[in-house]
Full PDB file with SEQRES, HELIX, SHEET, SSBOND, CRYST1, ORIGX, SCALE, CONECT and MASTER records, all heavy atoms in Angstrom:
SEQRES   1 A   33  CYS ALA CYS GLY PRO LYS PRO MET LEU ARG ALA VAL LYS          
SEQRES   2 A   33  ALA TYR ALA GLU GLU ASN ASP ILE PRO CYS TRP LEU SER          
SEQRES   3 A   33  LEU GLU GLU ARG MET ALA CYS                                  
HELIX    1 AA1 LYS A    6  GLU A   18  1                                  13    
SHEET    1 AA1 2 ALA A   2  CYS A   3  0                                        
SHEET    2 AA1 2 LEU A  25  SER A  26  1                                        
CRYST1    1.000    1.000    1.000  90.00  90.00  90.00 P 1           1          
ORIGX1      1.000000  0.000000  0.000000        0.00000                         
ORIGX2      0.000000  1.000000  0.000000        0.00000                         
ORIGX3      0.000000  0.000000  1.000000        0.00000                         
SCALE1      1.000000  0.000000  0.000000        0.00000                         
SCALE2      0.000000  1.000000  0.000000        0.00000                         
SCALE3      0.000000  0.000000  1.000000        0.00000                         
ATOM      1  N   CYS A   1       3.613  -4.193  -1.475  1.00  0.00           N  
ATOM      2  CA  CYS A   1       4.940  -4.408  -2.055  1.00  0.00           C  
ATOM      3  C   CYS A   1       5.006  -5.856  -2.497  1.00  0.00           C  
ATOM      4  O   CYS A   1       4.545  -6.749  -1.771  1.00  0.00           O  
ATOM      5  CB  CYS A   1       6.044  -4.152  -1.032  1.00  0.00           C  
ATOM      6  SG  CYS A   1       6.115  -2.479  -0.418  1.00  0.00           S  
ATOM      7  N   ALA A   2       5.573  -6.100  -3.669  1.00  0.00           N  
ATOM      8  CA  ALA A   2       5.586  -7.468  -4.179  1.00  0.00           C  
ATOM      9  C   ALA A   2       6.868  -7.774  -4.931  1.00  0.00           C  
ATOM     10  O   ALA A   2       7.483  -6.890  -5.535  1.00  0.00           O  
ATOM     11  CB  ALA A   2       4.385  -7.705  -5.093  1.00  0.00           C  
ATOM     12  N   CYS A   3       7.253  -9.037  -4.883  1.00  0.00           N  
ATOM     13  CA  CYS A   3       8.377  -9.540  -5.661  1.00  0.00           C  
ATOM     14  C   CYS A   3       8.063 -10.986  -6.019  1.00  0.00           C  
ATOM     15  O   CYS A   3       7.673 -11.774  -5.151  1.00  0.00           O  
ATOM     16  CB  CYS A   3       9.677  -9.467  -4.856  1.00  0.00           C  
ATOM     17  SG  CYS A   3      11.152 -10.003  -5.779  1.00  0.00           S  
ATOM     18  N   GLY A   4       8.224 -11.311  -7.294  1.00  0.00           N  
ATOM     19  CA  GLY A   4       7.913 -12.664  -7.723  1.00  0.00           C  
ATOM     20  C   GLY A   4       7.855 -12.749  -9.232  1.00  0.00           C  
ATOM     21  O   GLY A   4       8.244 -11.822  -9.943  1.00  0.00           O  
ATOM     22  N   PRO A   5       7.342 -13.862  -9.749  1.00  0.00           N  
ATOM     23  CA  PRO A   5       7.258 -14.034 -11.204  1.00  0.00           C  
ATOM     24  C   PRO A   5       6.287 -13.044 -11.839  1.00  0.00           C  
ATOM     25  O   PRO A   5       5.370 -12.522 -11.186  1.00  0.00           O  
ATOM     26  CB  PRO A   5       6.780 -15.473 -11.359  1.00  0.00           C  
ATOM     27  CG  PRO A   5       6.127 -15.808 -10.063  1.00  0.00           C  
ATOM     28  CD  PRO A   5       6.859 -15.040  -9.012  1.00  0.00           C  
ATOM     29  N   LYS A   6       6.482 -12.785 -13.121  1.00  0.00           N  
ATOM     30  CA  LYS A   6       5.710 -11.749 -13.803  1.00  0.00           C  
ATOM     31  C   LYS A   6       4.190 -11.972 -13.749  1.00  0.00           C  
ATOM     32  O   LYS A   6       3.444 -10.997 -13.547  1.00  0.00           O  
ATOM     33  CB  LYS A   6       6.176 -11.602 -15.253  1.00  0.00           C  
ATOM     34  CG  LYS A   6       5.527 -10.430 -15.985  1.00  0.00           C  
ATOM     35  CD  LYS A   6       6.147 -10.182 -17.345  1.00  0.00           C  
ATOM     36  CE  LYS A   6       7.507  -9.551 -17.219  1.00  0.00           C  
ATOM     37  NZ  LYS A   6       8.069  -9.151 -18.544  1.00  0.00           N  
ATOM     38  N   PRO A   7       3.668 -13.186 -13.930  1.00  0.00           N  
ATOM     39  CA  PRO A   7       2.209 -13.344 -13.835  1.00  0.00           C  
ATOM     40  C   PRO A   7       1.667 -12.905 -12.481  1.00  0.00           C  
ATOM     41  O   PRO A   7       0.583 -12.302 -12.400  1.00  0.00           O  
ATOM     42  CB  PRO A   7       2.002 -14.846 -14.064  1.00  0.00           C  
ATOM     43  CG  PRO A   7       3.181 -15.262 -14.883  1.00  0.00           C  
ATOM     44  CD  PRO A   7       4.322 -14.452 -14.357  1.00  0.00           C  
ATOM     45  N   MET A   8       2.399 -13.195 -11.418  1.00  0.00           N  
ATOM     46  CA  MET A   8       1.989 -12.761 -10.085  1.00  0.00           C  
ATOM     47  C   MET A   8       2.009 -11.237  -9.987  1.00  0.00           C  
ATOM     48  O   MET A   8       1.055 -10.614  -9.499  1.00  0.00           O  
ATOM     49  CB  MET A   8       2.910 -13.360  -9.033  1.00  0.00           C  
ATOM     50  CG  MET A   8       2.699 -12.805  -7.638  1.00  0.00           C  
ATOM     51  SD  MET A   8       4.021 -13.281  -6.509  1.00  0.00           S  
ATOM     52  CE  MET A   8       4.166 -11.761  -5.541  1.00  0.00           C  
ATOM     53  N   LEU A   9       3.083 -10.614 -10.463  1.00  0.00           N  
ATOM     54  CA  LEU A   9       3.190  -9.161 -10.388  1.00  0.00           C  
ATOM     55  C   LEU A   9       2.115  -8.479 -11.217  1.00  0.00           C  
ATOM     56  O   LEU A   9       1.583  -7.434 -10.830  1.00  0.00           O  
ATOM     57  CB  LEU A   9       4.580  -8.709 -10.851  1.00  0.00           C  
ATOM     58  CG  LEU A   9       5.762  -9.194 -10.018  1.00  0.00           C  
ATOM     59  CD1 LEU A   9       7.053  -8.593 -10.561  1.00  0.00           C  
ATOM     60  CD2 LEU A   9       5.593  -8.831  -8.538  1.00  0.00           C  
ATOM     61  N   ARG A  10       1.783  -9.069 -12.358  1.00  0.00           N  
ATOM     62  CA  ARG A  10       0.726  -8.506 -13.205  1.00  0.00           C  
ATOM     63  C   ARG A  10      -0.603  -8.505 -12.453  1.00  0.00           C  
ATOM     64  O   ARG A  10      -1.368  -7.524 -12.495  1.00  0.00           O  
ATOM     65  CB  ARG A  10       0.621  -9.319 -14.495  1.00  0.00           C  
ATOM     66  CG  ARG A  10      -0.326  -8.723 -15.529  1.00  0.00           C  
ATOM     67  CD  ARG A  10      -0.385  -9.582 -16.774  1.00  0.00           C  
ATOM     68  NE  ARG A  10       0.896  -9.602 -17.475  1.00  0.00           N  
ATOM     69  CZ  ARG A  10       1.642 -10.698 -17.676  1.00  0.00           C  
ATOM     70  NH1 ARG A  10       1.225 -11.875 -17.220  1.00  0.00           N  
ATOM     71  NH2 ARG A  10       2.778 -10.624 -18.326  1.00  0.00           N  
ATOM     72  N   ALA A  11      -0.890  -9.600 -11.745  1.00  0.00           N  
ATOM     73  CA  ALA A  11      -2.140  -9.696 -10.986  1.00  0.00           C  
ATOM     74  C   ALA A  11      -2.150  -8.729  -9.808  1.00  0.00           C  
ATOM     75  O   ALA A  11      -3.176  -8.101  -9.505  1.00  0.00           O  
ATOM     76  CB  ALA A  11      -2.342 -11.134 -10.501  1.00  0.00           C  
ATOM     77  N   VAL A  12      -1.016  -8.595  -9.127  1.00  0.00           N  
ATOM     78  CA  VAL A  12      -0.917  -7.661  -7.999  1.00  0.00           C  
ATOM     79  C   VAL A  12      -1.092  -6.219  -8.479  1.00  0.00           C  
ATOM     80  O   VAL A  12      -1.787  -5.417  -7.858  1.00  0.00           O  
ATOM     81  CB  VAL A  12       0.426  -7.837  -7.263  1.00  0.00           C  
ATOM     82  CG1 VAL A  12       0.610  -6.732  -6.218  1.00  0.00           C  
ATOM     83  CG2 VAL A  12       0.501  -9.205  -6.608  1.00  0.00           C  
ATOM     84  N   LYS A  13      -0.461  -5.898  -9.586  1.00  0.00           N  
ATOM     85  CA  LYS A  13      -0.581  -4.549 -10.168  1.00  0.00           C  
ATOM     86  C   LYS A  13      -2.051  -4.227 -10.467  1.00  0.00           C  
ATOM     87  O   LYS A  13      -2.545  -3.140 -10.134  1.00  0.00           O  
ATOM     88  CB  LYS A  13       0.256  -4.475 -11.444  1.00  0.00           C  
ATOM     89  CG  LYS A  13       0.064  -3.202 -12.284  1.00  0.00           C  
ATOM     90  CD  LYS A  13       0.955  -3.264 -13.533  1.00  0.00           C  
ATOM     91  CE  LYS A  13       0.550  -2.242 -14.584  1.00  0.00           C  
ATOM     92  NZ  LYS A  13       0.808  -0.855 -14.134  1.00  0.00           N  
ATOM     93  N   ALA A  14      -2.744  -5.172 -11.095  1.00  0.00           N  
ATOM     94  CA  ALA A  14      -4.152  -4.953 -11.431  1.00  0.00           C  
ATOM     95  C   ALA A  14      -4.993  -4.767 -10.168  1.00  0.00           C  
ATOM     96  O   ALA A  14      -5.849  -3.874 -10.097  1.00  0.00           O  
ATOM     97  CB  ALA A  14      -4.677  -6.128 -12.251  1.00  0.00           C  
ATOM     98  N   TYR A  15      -4.736  -5.588  -9.164  1.00  0.00           N  
ATOM     99  CA  TYR A  15      -5.479  -5.488  -7.902  1.00  0.00           C  
ATOM    100  C   TYR A  15      -5.244  -4.131  -7.242  1.00  0.00           C  
ATOM    101  O   TYR A  15      -6.189  -3.469  -6.789  1.00  0.00           O  
ATOM    102  CB  TYR A  15      -5.055  -6.613  -6.959  1.00  0.00           C  
ATOM    103  CG  TYR A  15      -5.648  -6.525  -5.577  1.00  0.00           C  
ATOM    104  CD1 TYR A  15      -6.897  -7.081  -5.305  1.00  0.00           C  
ATOM    105  CD2 TYR A  15      -4.973  -5.875  -4.543  1.00  0.00           C  
ATOM    106  CE1 TYR A  15      -7.460  -6.984  -4.034  1.00  0.00           C  
ATOM    107  CE2 TYR A  15      -5.526  -5.773  -3.279  1.00  0.00           C  
ATOM    108  CZ  TYR A  15      -6.762  -6.332  -3.026  1.00  0.00           C  
ATOM    109  OH  TYR A  15      -7.323  -6.225  -1.770  1.00  0.00           O  
ATOM    110  N   ALA A  16      -3.984  -3.705  -7.205  1.00  0.00           N  
ATOM    111  CA  ALA A  16      -3.640  -2.434  -6.558  1.00  0.00           C  
ATOM    112  C   ALA A  16      -4.303  -1.263  -7.262  1.00  0.00           C  
ATOM    113  O   ALA A  16      -4.841  -0.354  -6.612  1.00  0.00           O  
ATOM    114  CB  ALA A  16      -2.125  -2.256  -6.538  1.00  0.00           C  
ATOM    115  N   GLU A  17      -4.274  -1.272  -8.577  1.00  0.00           N  
ATOM    116  CA  GLU A  17      -4.826  -0.149  -9.323  1.00  0.00           C  
ATOM    117  C   GLU A  17      -6.359  -0.138  -9.285  1.00  0.00           C  
ATOM    118  O   GLU A  17      -6.973   0.922  -9.242  1.00  0.00           O  
ATOM    119  CB  GLU A  17      -4.273  -0.165 -10.744  1.00  0.00           C  
ATOM    120  CG  GLU A  17      -2.774   0.131 -10.748  1.00  0.00           C  
ATOM    121  CD  GLU A  17      -2.114   0.028 -12.106  1.00  0.00           C  
ATOM    122  OE1 GLU A  17      -2.833  -0.141 -13.115  1.00  0.00           O  
ATOM    123  OE2 GLU A  17      -0.873   0.106 -12.176  1.00  0.00           O  
ATOM    124  N   GLU A  18      -6.962  -1.326  -9.269  1.00  0.00           N  
ATOM    125  CA  GLU A  18      -8.423  -1.396  -9.157  1.00  0.00           C  
ATOM    126  C   GLU A  18      -8.905  -0.874  -7.797  1.00  0.00           C  
ATOM    127  O   GLU A  18      -9.993  -0.313  -7.682  1.00  0.00           O  
ATOM    128  CB  GLU A  18      -8.895  -2.845  -9.330  1.00  0.00           C  
ATOM    129  CG  GLU A  18      -8.814  -3.344 -10.769  1.00  0.00           C  
ATOM    130  CD  GLU A  18      -9.019  -4.854 -10.853  1.00  0.00           C  
ATOM    131  OE1 GLU A  18      -9.349  -5.465  -9.804  1.00  0.00           O  
ATOM    132  OE2 GLU A  18      -8.834  -5.410 -11.945  1.00  0.00           O  
ATOM    133  N   ASN A  19      -8.075  -1.070  -6.767  1.00  0.00           N  
ATOM    134  CA  ASN A  19      -8.460  -0.685  -5.414  1.00  0.00           C  
ATOM    135  C   ASN A  19      -7.780   0.597  -4.938  1.00  0.00           C  
ATOM    136  O   ASN A  19      -7.886   0.947  -3.759  1.00  0.00           O  
ATOM    137  CB  ASN A  19      -8.147  -1.832  -4.448  1.00  0.00           C  
ATOM    138  CG  ASN A  19      -9.037  -3.039  -4.675  1.00  0.00           C  
ATOM    139  OD1 ASN A  19     -10.161  -3.094  -4.189  1.00  0.00           O  
ATOM    140  ND2 ASN A  19      -8.545  -4.014  -5.433  1.00  0.00           N  
ATOM    141  N   ASP A  20      -7.074   1.265  -5.853  1.00  0.00           N  
ATOM    142  CA  ASP A  20      -6.411   2.545  -5.560  1.00  0.00           C  
ATOM    143  C   ASP A  20      -5.479   2.432  -4.349  1.00  0.00           C  
ATOM    144  O   ASP A  20      -5.501   3.260  -3.434  1.00  0.00           O  
ATOM    145  CB  ASP A  20      -7.457   3.637  -5.316  1.00  0.00           C  
ATOM    146  CG  ASP A  20      -6.854   5.039  -5.401  1.00  0.00           C  
ATOM    147  OD1 ASP A  20      -5.842   5.198  -6.108  1.00  0.00           O  
ATOM    148  OD2 ASP A  20      -7.384   5.951  -4.747  1.00  0.00           O  
ATOM    149  N   ILE A  21      -4.629   1.397  -4.366  1.00  0.00           N  
ATOM    150  CA  ILE A  21      -3.661   1.168  -3.290  1.00  0.00           C  
ATOM    151  C   ILE A  21      -2.262   1.441  -3.827  1.00  0.00           C  
ATOM    152  O   ILE A  21      -1.869   0.872  -4.857  1.00  0.00           O  
ATOM    153  CB  ILE A  21      -3.734  -0.287  -2.769  1.00  0.00           C  
ATOM    154  CG1 ILE A  21      -5.143  -0.604  -2.259  1.00  0.00           C  
ATOM    155  CG2 ILE A  21      -2.707  -0.516  -1.658  1.00  0.00           C  
ATOM    156  CD1 ILE A  21      -5.339  -2.060  -1.889  1.00  0.00           C  
ATOM    157  N   PRO A  22      -1.469   2.279  -3.179  1.00  0.00           N  
ATOM    158  CA  PRO A  22      -0.078   2.481  -3.617  1.00  0.00           C  
ATOM    159  C   PRO A  22       0.666   1.145  -3.607  1.00  0.00           C  
ATOM    160  O   PRO A  22       0.550   0.367  -2.649  1.00  0.00           O  
ATOM    161  CB  PRO A  22       0.493   3.436  -2.567  1.00  0.00           C  
ATOM    162  CG  PRO A  22      -0.695   4.096  -1.947  1.00  0.00           C  
ATOM    163  CD  PRO A  22      -1.800   3.087  -1.991  1.00  0.00           C  
ATOM    164  N   CYS A  23       1.415   0.890  -4.671  1.00  0.00           N  
ATOM    165  CA  CYS A  23       2.024  -0.429  -4.819  1.00  0.00           C  
ATOM    166  C   CYS A  23       3.400  -0.304  -5.471  1.00  0.00           C  
ATOM    167  O   CYS A  23       3.569   0.433  -6.446  1.00  0.00           O  
ATOM    168  CB  CYS A  23       1.113  -1.312  -5.674  1.00  0.00           C  
ATOM    169  SG  CYS A  23       1.776  -2.943  -6.045  1.00  0.00           S  
ATOM    170  N   TRP A  24       4.349  -1.034  -4.918  1.00  0.00           N  
ATOM    171  CA  TRP A  24       5.694  -1.105  -5.500  1.00  0.00           C  
ATOM    172  C   TRP A  24       6.007  -2.551  -5.851  1.00  0.00           C  
ATOM    173  O   TRP A  24       5.755  -3.469  -5.056  1.00  0.00           O  
ATOM    174  CB  TRP A  24       6.729  -0.565  -4.521  1.00  0.00           C  
ATOM    175  CG  TRP A  24       6.751   0.930  -4.460  1.00  0.00           C  
ATOM    176  CD1 TRP A  24       7.509   1.784  -5.203  1.00  0.00           C  
ATOM    177  CD2 TRP A  24       5.949   1.766  -3.613  1.00  0.00           C  
ATOM    178  NE1 TRP A  24       7.232   3.090  -4.878  1.00  0.00           N  
ATOM    179  CE2 TRP A  24       6.283   3.108  -3.906  1.00  0.00           C  
ATOM    180  CE3 TRP A  24       4.994   1.508  -2.630  1.00  0.00           C  
ATOM    181  CZ2 TRP A  24       5.697   4.187  -3.254  1.00  0.00           C  
ATOM    182  CZ3 TRP A  24       4.402   2.577  -1.984  1.00  0.00           C  
ATOM    183  CH2 TRP A  24       4.757   3.896  -2.292  1.00  0.00           C  
ATOM    184  N   LEU A  25       6.554  -2.752  -7.041  1.00  0.00           N  
ATOM    185  CA  LEU A  25       6.855  -4.079  -7.559  1.00  0.00           C  
ATOM    186  C   LEU A  25       8.347  -4.223  -7.803  1.00  0.00           C  
ATOM    187  O   LEU A  25       8.985  -3.321  -8.353  1.00  0.00           O  
ATOM    188  CB  LEU A  25       6.121  -4.317  -8.885  1.00  0.00           C  
ATOM    189  CG  LEU A  25       4.612  -4.084  -8.909  1.00  0.00           C  
ATOM    190  CD1 LEU A  25       4.095  -4.220 -10.341  1.00  0.00           C  
ATOM    191  CD2 LEU A  25       3.895  -5.067  -7.982  1.00  0.00           C  
ATOM    192  N   SER A  26       8.904  -5.358  -7.410  1.00  0.00           N  
ATOM    193  CA  SER A  26      10.297  -5.675  -7.724  1.00  0.00           C  
ATOM    194  C   SER A  26      10.293  -6.676  -8.870  1.00  0.00           C  
ATOM    195  O   SER A  26       9.791  -7.794  -8.731  1.00  0.00           O  
ATOM    196  CB  SER A  26      11.016  -6.271  -6.507  1.00  0.00           C  
ATOM    197  OG  SER A  26      12.353  -6.577  -6.829  1.00  0.00           O  
ATOM    198  N   LEU A  27      10.821  -6.249 -10.011  1.00  0.00           N  
ATOM    199  CA  LEU A  27      10.758  -7.068 -11.223  1.00  0.00           C  
ATOM    200  C   LEU A  27      11.924  -8.049 -11.307  1.00  0.00           C  
ATOM    201  O   LEU A  27      13.062  -7.719 -10.935  1.00  0.00           O  
ATOM    202  CB  LEU A  27      10.764  -6.175 -12.469  1.00  0.00           C  
ATOM    203  CG  LEU A  27       9.392  -5.663 -12.949  1.00  0.00           C  
ATOM    204  CD1 LEU A  27       8.653  -4.929 -11.852  1.00  0.00           C  
ATOM    205  CD2 LEU A  27       9.567  -4.778 -14.172  1.00  0.00           C  
ATOM    206  N   GLU A  28      11.634  -9.223 -11.809  1.00  0.00           N  
ATOM    207  CA  GLU A  28      12.655 -10.233 -12.075  1.00  0.00           C  
ATOM    208  C   GLU A  28      12.892 -10.290 -13.580  1.00  0.00           C  
ATOM    209  O   GLU A  28      11.971 -10.582 -14.344  1.00  0.00           O  
ATOM    210  CB  GLU A  28      12.207 -11.605 -11.568  1.00  0.00           C  
ATOM    211  CG  GLU A  28      12.012 -11.690 -10.059  1.00  0.00           C  
ATOM    212  CD  GLU A  28      11.543 -13.069  -9.611  1.00  0.00           C  
ATOM    213  OE1 GLU A  28      11.096 -13.867 -10.476  1.00  0.00           O  
ATOM    214  OE2 GLU A  28      11.619 -13.355  -8.406  1.00  0.00           O  
ATOM    215  N   GLU A  29      14.099  -9.974 -14.004  1.00  0.00           N  
ATOM    216  CA  GLU A  29      14.454 -10.036 -15.419  1.00  0.00           C  
ATOM    217  C   GLU A  29      15.860 -10.609 -15.569  1.00  0.00           C  
ATOM    218  O   GLU A  29      16.696 -10.463 -14.677  1.00  0.00           O  
ATOM    219  CB  GLU A  29      14.423  -8.637 -16.064  1.00  0.00           C  
ATOM    220  CG  GLU A  29      13.043  -8.020 -16.193  1.00  0.00           C  
ATOM    221  CD  GLU A  29      12.181  -8.677 -17.251  1.00  0.00           C  
ATOM    222  OE1 GLU A  29      12.743  -9.401 -18.112  1.00  0.00           O  
ATOM    223  OE2 GLU A  29      10.949  -8.466 -17.224  1.00  0.00           O  
ATOM    224  N   ARG A  30      16.115 -11.258 -16.690  1.00  0.00           N  
ATOM    225  CA  ARG A  30      17.481 -11.692 -16.984  1.00  0.00           C  
ATOM    226  C   ARG A  30      18.355 -10.457 -17.166  1.00  0.00           C  
ATOM    227  O   ARG A  30      17.953  -9.503 -17.815  1.00  0.00           O  
ATOM    228  CB  ARG A  30      17.513 -12.560 -18.245  1.00  0.00           C  
ATOM    229  CG  ARG A  30      16.881 -13.927 -18.060  1.00  0.00           C  
ATOM    230  CD  ARG A  30      17.047 -14.771 -19.317  1.00  0.00           C  
ATOM    231  NE  ARG A  30      16.503 -16.099 -19.141  1.00  0.00           N  
ATOM    232  CZ  ARG A  30      17.168 -17.130 -18.612  1.00  0.00           C  
ATOM    233  NH1 ARG A  30      18.427 -16.952 -18.223  1.00  0.00           N  
ATOM    234  NH2 ARG A  30      16.606 -18.310 -18.489  1.00  0.00           N  
ATOM    235  N   MET A  31      19.548 -10.498 -16.585  1.00  0.00           N  
ATOM    236  CA  MET A  31      20.455  -9.353 -16.662  1.00  0.00           C  
ATOM    237  C   MET A  31      21.791  -9.774 -17.245  1.00  0.00           C  
ATOM    238  O   MET A  31      22.158 -10.954 -17.210  1.00  0.00           O  
ATOM    239  CB  MET A  31      20.667  -8.750 -15.268  1.00  0.00           C  
ATOM    240  CG  MET A  31      19.426  -8.159 -14.649  1.00  0.00           C  
ATOM    241  SD  MET A  31      19.771  -7.431 -13.028  1.00  0.00           S  
ATOM    242  CE  MET A  31      18.101  -7.035 -12.498  1.00  0.00           C  
ATOM    243  N   ALA A  32      22.508  -8.790 -17.766  1.00  0.00           N  
ATOM    244  CA  ALA A  32      23.860  -9.036 -18.284  1.00  0.00           C  
ATOM    245  C   ALA A  32      24.871  -8.245 -17.466  1.00  0.00           C  
ATOM    246  O   ALA A  32      25.518  -8.771 -16.580  1.00  0.00           O  
ATOM    247  CB  ALA A  32      23.939  -8.685 -19.759  1.00  0.00           C  
ATOM    248  N   CYS A  33      24.954  -6.918 -17.712  1.00  0.00           N  
ATOM    249  CA  CYS A  33      25.959  -6.126 -16.996  1.00  0.00           C  
ATOM    250  C   CYS A  33      25.570  -5.843 -15.551  1.00  0.00           C  
ATOM    251  O   CYS A  33      26.423  -5.756 -14.678  1.00  0.00           O  
ATOM    252  CB  CYS A  33      26.234  -4.819 -17.745  1.00  0.00           C  
ATOM    253  SG  CYS A  33      24.881  -3.609 -17.625  1.00  0.00           S  
TER     254      CYS A  33                                                      
MASTER        0    0    0    1    2    0    0    6  253    1    0    3          
END                                                                             
């Protein structure tokens, strides 16, 4: 499970998928409503 800036999440996603590990990411984005 990960939460952080997009470059970090991109690297975690790649690591998880390369190693076939279930992974959940919490994305940080600018929001309005």
